[in-house]
C-alpha cells in the first residue's frame, strides 16, 4: 500500500470520526420565554414548586442526585404560562426536563431532551 493511499485512508477515517461526533443541538423549547432570575425564593405559586419538587423526587436516583438549586431555572411567557427547566448532567450527557404550567398552575406538558455533551 502506498504512503499516499495510507494517508488518504487515515484522513477519511479521521473526518468520518469528527463529523460523526458532531451533533446538532436540540431546539430550545423555551426560546422566546423570559428567564426569571431568582435568589432563593421561587417566583411561582406553592402548587408549582410542590409539583416540580415531586417530579424531581420521581426521577431515577442518578438524575435526582445531581439536581440542586443551580439546576432549576424558572421562565414565563407573554400569555402567563410558567415553565421550569431542570438540568441533569449524567455520564457525559446534559439532559433537560422542561415542565410547562398554564395560568392556573397546572402542569400541561413535559419535554425531555439532550442539550449537549461533556467529557466525564
Protein backbone atom coordinates (compact mmCIF):
# COMPACT_ATOMS: atom_id res chain seq x y z
CA UNK A 1 0.00 0.00 0.00
CA UNK A 2 1.48 3.35 -0.94
CA UNK A 3 2.02 6.10 1.60
CA UNK A 4 -0.41 8.34 -0.29
CA UNK A 5 -3.16 5.74 -0.07
CA UNK A 6 -2.46 5.17 3.64
CA UNK A 7 -2.60 8.91 4.33
CA UNK A 8 -5.86 9.21 2.37
CA UNK A 9 -7.43 6.39 4.37
CA UNK A 10 -6.30 7.93 7.65
CA UNK A 11 -7.72 11.32 6.62
CA UNK A 12 -11.02 9.74 5.60
CA UNK A 13 -11.32 7.85 8.90
CA UNK A 14 -10.48 10.99 10.89
CA UNK A 15 -13.05 13.10 9.03
CA UNK A 16 -15.79 10.46 9.47
CA UNK A 17 -14.99 10.24 13.18
CA UNK A 18 -15.10 14.03 13.63
CA UNK A 19 -18.28 14.55 11.61
CA UNK A 20 -19.91 11.56 13.30
CA UNK A 21 -19.28 13.08 16.74
CA UNK A 22 -20.82 16.44 15.90
CA UNK A 23 -24.47 16.51 16.82
CA UNK A 24 -26.96 19.22 16.18
CA UNK A 25 -28.29 20.66 19.45
CA UNK A 26 -31.97 20.29 20.16
CA UNK A 27 -34.04 23.39 19.57
CA UNK A 28 -34.72 25.24 22.80
CA UNK A 29 -38.40 24.74 23.72
CA UNK A 30 -38.18 27.90 25.86
CA UNK A 31 -36.94 30.21 23.10
CA UNK A 32 -38.84 33.47 23.46
CA UNK A 33 -39.71 32.85 27.10
CA UNK A 34 -38.50 35.27 29.78
CA UNK A 35 -35.96 33.88 32.26
CA UNK A 36 -36.85 34.76 35.86
CA UNK A 37 -33.72 35.30 37.90
CA UNK A 38 -34.23 34.05 41.45
CA UNK A 39 -32.14 34.29 44.58
CA UNK A 40 -33.56 31.65 46.85
CA UNK A 41 -37.29 32.25 46.52
CA UNK A 42 -39.35 30.89 43.64
CA UNK A 43 -41.47 33.29 41.60
CA UNK A 44 -44.16 30.64 41.29
CA UNK A 45 -47.08 29.55 43.43
CA UNK A 46 -46.56 26.82 46.01
CA UNK A 47 -48.54 24.40 43.83
CA UNK A 48 -45.96 24.72 41.02
CA UNK A 49 -42.99 24.42 43.40
CA UNK A 50 -44.52 21.34 45.05
CA UNK A 51 -45.21 19.79 41.64
CA UNK A 52 -41.69 20.22 40.26
CA UNK A 53 -40.13 19.08 43.54
CA UNK A 54 -42.30 15.95 43.34
CA UNK A 55 -41.17 15.50 39.71
CA UNK A 56 -37.52 15.68 40.81
CA UNK A 57 -38.09 13.09 43.55
CA UNK A 58 -39.58 10.71 40.96
CA UNK A 59 -36.57 10.96 38.63
CA UNK A 60 -34.21 7.98 38.51
CA UNK A 61 -31.87 8.15 41.54
CA UNK A 62 -28.80 9.03 39.45
CA UNK A 63 -30.60 12.05 37.97
CA UNK A 64 -32.31 13.17 41.17
CA UNK A 65 -28.96 13.15 42.98
CA UNK A 66 -27.42 15.79 40.69
CA UNK A 67 -30.29 18.28 40.91
CA UNK A 68 -29.51 21.24 43.13
CA UNK A 69 -30.51 24.89 43.43
CA UNK A 70 -28.46 25.83 40.35
CA UNK A 71 -30.06 23.10 38.21
CA UNK A 72 -33.52 24.68 38.32
CA UNK A 73 -34.47 27.66 36.15
CA UNK A 74 -37.82 29.44 36.00
CA UNK A 75 -39.43 31.06 32.95
CA UNK A 76 -42.67 32.72 31.92
CA UNK A 77 -44.17 33.71 28.59
CA UNK A 78 -46.35 36.60 27.49
CA UNK A 79 -49.57 34.60 27.96
CA UNK A 80 -48.96 33.99 31.68
CA UNK A 81 -47.77 30.42 31.37
CA UNK A 82 -44.85 29.30 33.52
CA UNK A 83 -42.05 26.82 32.88
CA UNK A 84 -39.39 25.15 34.97
CA UNK A 85 -36.23 23.74 33.39
CA UNK A 86 -34.34 21.09 35.34
CA UNK A 87 -30.82 20.26 34.13
CA UNK A 88 -29.29 16.88 34.94
CA UNK A 89 -25.71 16.22 33.80
CA UNK A 90 -25.06 12.46 33.93
CA UNK A 91 -22.28 10.35 32.39
CA UNK A 92 -21.20 12.99 29.88
CA UNK A 93 -24.74 13.95 28.82
CA UNK A 94 -26.67 17.12 29.71
CA UNK A 95 -30.35 16.20 29.96
CA UNK A 96 -33.10 18.82 30.23
CA UNK A 97 -36.56 18.38 31.69
CA UNK A 98 -38.93 21.24 30.89
CA UNK A 99 -42.20 21.36 32.81
CA UNK A 100 -44.78 23.79 31.42
CA UNK A 101 -47.68 25.10 33.50
CA UNK A 102 -50.80 27.01 32.49
CA UNK A 103 -52.02 30.22 34.14
CA UNK A 104 -53.84 28.12 36.75
CA UNK A 105 -50.55 26.48 37.86
CA UNK A 106 -51.48 23.11 36.36
CA UNK A 107 -48.74 21.19 34.56
CA UNK A 108 -49.76 20.80 30.93
CA UNK A 109 -46.60 19.49 29.27
CA UNK A 110 -43.26 17.79 29.93
CA UNK A 111 -40.44 18.00 27.39
CA UNK A 112 -37.29 15.90 27.84
CA UNK A 113 -34.27 16.24 25.59
CA UNK A 114 -30.49 16.07 25.44
CA UNK A 115 -28.98 19.55 25.27
CA UNK A 116 -25.30 18.67 24.97
CA UNK A 117 -22.37 16.54 25.97
CA UNK A 118 -19.29 16.89 28.16
CA UNK A 119 -16.27 14.77 28.92
CA UNK A 120 -16.82 12.72 32.04
